[in-house]
Amino acid sequence: MSAASALAQTKVGDRVFLHTIFVGQPGVSDDLTLPSFSWSKSSDGTPATSLSSILSKRITENVGVVITEPSWTHVASSEFAPAVSGFQNLTTAFKYMALQDAERQLMMCLGLQVEWGNTGSSAIGVRSFSTISPQIYIGKGFGDLPPELSWLRPLALTGQFGLAVPTKHTDLSDPFAITGAPTVFNWGVSLQYNPINPSDNSSFHLAPLLEASFQTPVAGALPGLNVTTGSVGAGVALSTKGFQFTTEATFPISSLSGRGVGVVASLTFSFSELAPQTLGKPLFR
């Protein structure tokens, strides 16, 4: 059993890796996620809503760029502050496909992600300086397991690991604010179960998935904030040719990570399936 080749996701051999919300794809691709939605509560219980879009485009067969348009964020009013809205900083990532092993359903990308300082709205407290993050993206499908373990073949793992290094460790744009900007190890994994046979020609496919995304300060954190934060998400991906809709419930791992259950969702359009001769091919061959 393996994932159907008609689905709108990154593929190596007979394995198709689903698009996940927190963990980047292990390959380069041509697709657009619009919209990407999230709703959660901060550590003080204040609700926040975000909307964004993500464009992934191959430059060559093995080199691609990912542009995360500045997400619009609305933070509700609280006992201590009025409601605020604005755009986050622009983020771009450059990726190089370093490994593709079709037989083992294994792929890996190396990347460099940049959050461009001062490109968002100061109303929501964006940083005035940039953050540079070397990244590794990896995906492994289990379709190569022996017949006696065939029930595990639909499983796949993906991961993203990076070190976020700020160009400054404090934000001096406000002389009265003390805002630490530590160097942070960002890491996340997803577990996908996609029990689809290539001969299955049904219109839609439903796959459960789990995601976990964490941030661990490794240098420059303020006292009391040098702890790992993050969330775990559980949800489903509904796929058909050229499209994938994903939704998850998210659970913070600690009080510093947030409160209560959050919700995330995204809709992804695959140009390689919808427009293979134009938007779905690399800019240069």
Protein backbone atom coordinates (compact mmCIF):
# COMPACT_ATOMS: atom_id res chain seq x y z
CA MET A 1 0.00 0.00 0.00
CA SER A 2 1.19 3.49 -0.77
CA ALA A 3 -0.13 6.99 -1.28
CA ALA A 4 -1.90 7.79 -4.53
CA SER A 5 0.22 9.69 -7.04
CA ALA A 6 -2.69 11.97 -7.92
CA LEU A 7 -2.71 13.71 -4.56
CA ALA A 8 -1.46 17.26 -4.37
CA GLN A 9 1.61 16.81 -2.22
CA THR A 10 5.38 16.21 -2.22
CA LYS A 11 6.24 12.81 -3.66
CA VAL A 12 9.21 10.44 -3.61
CA GLY A 13 8.73 7.09 -5.31
CA ASP A 14 5.28 5.82 -4.34
CA ARG A 15 5.17 7.95 -1.20
CA VAL A 16 3.23 11.18 -1.04
CA PHE A 17 3.84 13.37 2.02
CA LEU A 18 0.81 15.34 3.15
CA HIS A 19 1.07 19.09 3.62
CA THR A 20 1.18 19.79 7.34
CA ILE A 21 0.57 23.11 9.04
CA PHE A 22 3.53 23.43 11.43
CA VAL A 23 6.14 21.17 9.83
CA GLY A 24 7.56 22.21 6.45
CA GLN A 25 7.54 19.88 3.46
CA PRO A 26 10.64 17.66 3.07
CA GLY A 27 10.87 18.54 -0.63
CA VAL A 28 10.56 21.47 -3.03
CA SER A 29 7.18 22.03 -4.65
CA ASP A 30 4.88 24.34 -6.60
CA ASP A 31 1.83 25.14 -4.51
CA LEU A 32 -0.16 27.82 -2.74
CA THR A 33 -1.70 27.61 0.71
CA LEU A 34 -4.54 30.10 0.96
CA PRO A 35 -5.83 30.64 3.51
CA SER A 36 -3.93 29.36 6.51
CA PHE A 37 -5.98 30.05 9.64
CA SER A 38 -5.23 29.77 13.34
CA TRP A 39 -7.05 30.63 16.55
CA SER A 40 -5.59 30.16 20.02
CA LYS A 41 -5.24 31.73 23.45
CA SER A 42 -2.00 33.15 24.81
CA SER A 43 -0.59 32.34 28.23
CA ASP A 44 -2.77 35.06 29.81
CA GLY A 45 -5.90 33.72 28.10
CA THR A 46 -6.17 36.41 25.40
CA PRO A 47 -7.56 35.03 22.11
CA ALA A 48 -5.60 35.66 18.91
CA THR A 49 -6.61 34.97 15.32
CA SER A 50 -4.25 34.83 12.32
CA LEU A 51 -4.72 34.54 8.55
CA SER A 52 -1.85 34.04 6.11
CA SER A 53 -0.83 32.60 2.75
CA ILE A 54 2.22 30.56 1.72
CA LEU A 55 3.65 30.30 -1.79
CA SER A 56 6.12 27.53 -2.66
CA LYS A 57 7.88 27.63 -6.05
CA ARG A 58 10.61 25.55 -7.64
CA ILE A 59 13.42 27.52 -9.25
CA THR A 60 15.05 24.35 -10.62
CA GLU A 61 14.20 20.69 -10.06
CA ASN A 62 16.10 20.71 -6.75
CA VAL A 63 16.00 24.35 -5.62
CA GLY A 64 12.91 26.16 -4.38
CA VAL A 65 11.70 29.16 -2.44
CA VAL A 66 8.90 29.45 0.13
CA ILE A 67 7.35 32.87 0.75
CA THR A 68 5.09 33.31 3.77
CA GLU A 69 3.08 36.46 3.16
CA PRO A 70 2.89 38.62 6.30
CA SER A 71 0.05 37.07 8.27
CA TRP A 72 -2.70 39.32 9.56
CA THR A 73 -3.12 38.88 13.31
CA HIS A 74 -5.87 40.14 15.59
CA VAL A 75 -5.32 40.02 19.34
CA ALA A 76 -8.51 40.52 21.35
CA SER A 77 -8.74 43.01 24.19
CA SER A 78 -7.82 41.88 27.68
CA GLU A 79 -7.96 43.25 31.20
CA PHE A 80 -4.61 44.93 30.61
CA ALA A 81 -4.63 46.01 26.94
CA PRO A 82 -7.02 47.00 24.13
CA ALA A 83 -7.51 44.89 21.02
CA VAL A 84 -4.81 45.26 18.33
CA SER A 85 -4.46 44.09 14.74
CA GLY A 86 -1.67 44.12 12.21
CA PHE A 87 0.63 42.13 9.95
CA GLN A 88 3.49 39.91 11.09
CA ASN A 89 6.96 40.14 9.53
CA LEU A 90 7.56 38.68 6.07
CA THR A 91 9.28 35.27 6.07
CA THR A 92 11.12 33.61 3.19
CA ALA A 93 12.91 30.27 2.94
CA PHE A 94 15.29 28.91 0.33
CA LYS A 95 15.45 25.12 -0.01
CA TYR A 96 17.78 22.65 -1.72
CA MET A 97 16.77 19.04 -2.30
CA ALA A 98 19.78 17.14 -0.97
CA LEU A 99 18.43 13.58 -0.99
CA GLN A 100 15.75 11.58 -2.81
CA ASP A 101 15.63 7.81 -2.34
CA ALA A 102 12.52 6.42 -4.05
CA GLU A 103 13.11 2.84 -2.93
CA ARG A 104 13.29 3.79 0.75
CA GLN A 105 10.69 6.59 0.43
CA LEU A 106 13.20 9.01 1.92
CA MET A 107 13.82 12.65 1.09
CA MET A 108 15.68 15.55 2.71
CA CYS A 109 16.06 19.27 2.06
CA LEU A 110 18.51 21.83 3.39
CA GLY A 111 17.19 25.34 3.81
CA LEU A 112 17.76 28.86 5.02
CA GLN A 113 14.79 30.76 6.46
CA VAL A 114 14.75 34.51 7.11
CA GLU A 115 12.19 36.52 9.06
CA TRP A 116 12.68 40.05 7.78
CA GLY A 117 12.64 42.54 10.63
CA ASN A 118 10.44 45.63 10.62
CA THR A 119 8.31 44.44 7.68
CA GLY A 120 5.22 44.01 9.87
CA SER A 121 3.14 46.21 12.13
CA SER A 122 4.60 47.61 15.34
CA ALA A 123 1.07 47.56 16.82
CA ILE A 124 1.35 43.81 17.42
CA GLY A 125 4.96 43.96 18.59
CA VAL A 126 6.88 42.57 15.61
CA ARG A 127 10.65 42.63 15.88
CA SER A 128 12.59 45.44 14.28
CA PHE A 129 15.48 43.10 13.45
CA SER A 130 15.74 39.94 11.36
CA THR A 131 16.11 36.31 12.37
CA ILE A 132 18.14 33.84 10.27
CA SER A 133 17.40 30.12 10.57
CA PRO A 134 19.38 27.31 8.92
CA GLN A 135 16.93 24.41 8.45
CA ILE A 136 16.79 20.67 7.77
CA TYR A 137 13.58 19.12 6.42
CA ILE A 138 13.25 15.33 6.29
CA GLY A 139 10.55 12.81 5.34
CA LYS A 140 10.44 9.02 5.62
CA GLY A 141 7.66 6.71 4.46
CA PHE A 142 7.30 3.13 5.67
CA GLY A 143 6.18 1.60 2.40
CA ASP A 144 9.45 -0.37 2.25
CA LEU A 145 8.60 -2.47 5.31
CA PRO A 146 8.38 -6.27 4.82
CA PRO A 147 4.99 -7.94 4.11
CA GLU A 148 4.56 -9.09 7.71
CA LEU A 149 4.46 -5.41 8.73
CA SER A 150 2.21 -4.29 5.88
CA TRP A 151 -0.24 -2.65 8.30
CA LEU A 152 2.48 -0.08 9.08
CA ARG A 153 3.21 0.79 5.44
CA PRO A 154 0.75 3.71 5.27
CA LEU A 155 2.71 5.52 8.02
CA ALA A 156 5.10 8.36 7.29
CA LEU A 157 7.17 10.73 9.41
CA THR A 158 8.29 14.24 8.54
CA GLY A 159 10.44 16.62 10.54
CA GLN A 160 11.79 20.16 10.47
CA PHE A 161 14.74 21.30 12.57
CA GLY A 162 16.36 24.73 12.64
CA LEU A 163 18.33 27.17 14.74
CA ALA A 164 16.80 30.69 14.77
CA VAL A 165 19.57 33.25 15.27
CA PRO A 166 18.46 36.91 15.72
CA THR A 167 20.60 39.68 14.29
CA LYS A 168 20.17 41.40 17.70
CA HIS A 169 19.49 39.95 21.13
CA THR A 170 17.49 42.95 22.37
CA ASP A 171 15.05 45.28 20.67
CA LEU A 172 16.16 48.87 21.25
CA SER A 173 13.36 50.47 19.22
CA ASP A 174 11.55 51.08 22.51
CA PRO A 175 13.97 52.30 25.21
CA PHE A 176 11.49 51.42 27.95
CA ALA A 177 10.89 47.84 26.79
CA ILE A 178 13.00 44.85 27.76
CA THR A 179 12.43 42.25 25.06
CA GLY A 180 14.82 39.35 24.93
CA ALA A 181 15.51 37.80 21.54
CA PRO A 182 17.19 34.50 22.31
CA THR A 183 18.74 32.04 19.89
CA VAL A 184 16.12 29.30 19.63
CA PHE A 185 16.16 25.71 18.43
CA ASN A 186 12.90 25.15 16.55
CA TRP A 187 11.89 21.56 16.00
CA GLY A 188 8.78 19.78 14.87
CA VAL A 189 7.60 16.38 13.67
CA SER A 190 4.48 14.96 12.04
CA LEU A 191 3.10 11.42 11.93
CA GLN A 192 0.80 10.67 8.99
CA TYR A 193 -1.33 7.61 8.26
CA ASN A 194 -2.37 7.54 4.63
CA PRO A 195 -3.89 4.09 3.81
CA ILE A 196 -4.37 4.69 0.09
CA ASN A 197 -3.72 2.18 -2.68
CA PRO A 198 -2.62 3.55 -6.10
CA SER A 199 -5.55 1.69 -7.70
CA ASP A 200 -8.04 3.59 -5.51
CA ASN A 201 -9.75 6.04 -7.88
CA SER A 202 -12.21 7.54 -5.40
CA SER A 203 -12.56 11.32 -5.49
CA PHE A 204 -11.48 12.12 -1.94
CA HIS A 205 -9.08 10.61 0.58
CA LEU A 206 -9.10 11.21 4.34
CA ALA A 207 -5.90 10.77 6.35
CA PRO A 208 -5.39 11.31 10.10
CA LEU A 209 -2.25 13.05 11.26
CA LEU A 210 -0.45 14.25 14.37
CA GLU A 211 1.91 17.21 14.59
CA ALA A 212 4.14 18.64 17.29
CA SER A 213 6.04 21.92 17.14
CA PHE A 214 8.44 23.15 19.83
CA GLN A 215 10.78 26.06 20.55
CA THR A 216 13.76 25.62 22.89
CA PRO A 217 15.90 28.68 23.80
CA VAL A 218 19.59 27.82 23.71
CA ALA A 219 21.19 31.25 24.36
CA GLY A 220 20.18 34.76 25.38
CA ALA A 221 16.80 33.96 26.97
CA LEU A 222 15.45 36.17 29.75
CA PRO A 223 15.34 34.62 33.24
CA GLY A 224 12.33 32.36 33.64
CA LEU A 225 11.76 32.10 29.88
CA ASN A 226 14.52 29.62 29.01
CA VAL A 227 12.10 26.69 28.79
CA THR A 228 10.68 24.73 25.89
CA THR A 229 7.29 25.88 24.62
CA GLY A 230 5.10 24.57 21.85
CA SER A 231 1.95 22.69 20.97
CA VAL A 232 0.68 19.34 19.75
CA GLY A 233 -1.95 19.11 17.02
CA ALA A 234 -4.28 16.28 16.02
CA GLY A 235 -6.44 16.37 12.93
CA VAL A 236 -7.20 15.13 9.44
CA ALA A 237 -6.28 15.94 5.86
CA LEU A 238 -8.90 15.70 3.11
CA SER A 239 -7.23 15.35 -0.30
CA THR A 240 -8.23 15.13 -3.92
CA LYS A 241 -6.35 15.80 -7.14
CA GLY A 242 -4.74 19.22 -6.81
CA PHE A 243 -6.17 20.15 -3.42
CA GLN A 244 -5.76 19.40 0.27
CA PHE A 245 -7.76 20.74 3.21
CA THR A 246 -6.23 20.21 6.65
CA THR A 247 -7.67 21.00 10.04
CA GLU A 248 -6.34 20.28 13.53
CA ALA A 249 -7.09 20.90 17.17
CA THR A 250 -3.99 22.19 18.98
CA PHE A 251 -3.00 21.70 22.61
CA PRO A 252 -0.31 23.83 24.32
CA ILE A 253 2.28 21.85 26.24
CA SER A 254 2.53 24.33 29.14
CA SER A 255 1.02 27.51 30.55
CA LEU A 256 3.76 29.54 28.84
CA SER A 257 2.70 28.03 25.50
CA GLY A 258 -0.93 29.08 25.80
CA ARG A 259 -4.26 28.10 27.32
CA GLY A 260 -6.99 25.75 26.23
CA VAL A 261 -7.59 24.17 22.85
CA GLY A 262 -6.82 26.05 19.65
CA VAL A 263 -7.81 25.46 16.03
CA VAL A 264 -5.76 25.60 12.83
CA ALA A 265 -6.78 24.96 9.23
CA SER A 266 -5.34 25.39 5.74
CA LEU A 267 -6.29 24.89 2.09
CA THR A 268 -3.47 24.01 -0.33
CA PHE A 269 -3.57 24.15 -4.13
CA SER A 270 -0.96 22.08 -5.99
CA PHE A 271 0.14 23.74 -9.24
CA SER A 272 1.95 20.56 -10.32
CA GLU A 273 -1.47 18.87 -10.53
CA LEU A 274 -3.67 21.81 -11.52
CA ALA A 275 -1.33 23.52 -14.03
CA PRO A 276 1.58 21.13 -14.76
CA GLN A 277 2.67 22.92 -17.98
CA THR A 278 2.76 26.44 -16.52
CA LEU A 279 2.79 27.23 -12.80
CA GLY A 280 3.53 23.62 -11.90
CA LYS A 281 6.97 23.33 -13.44
CA PRO A 282 10.35 24.78 -12.40
CA LEU A 283 11.34 28.21 -13.70
CA PHE A 284 14.59 26.76 -15.10
CA ARG A 285 15.36 23.23 -16.23
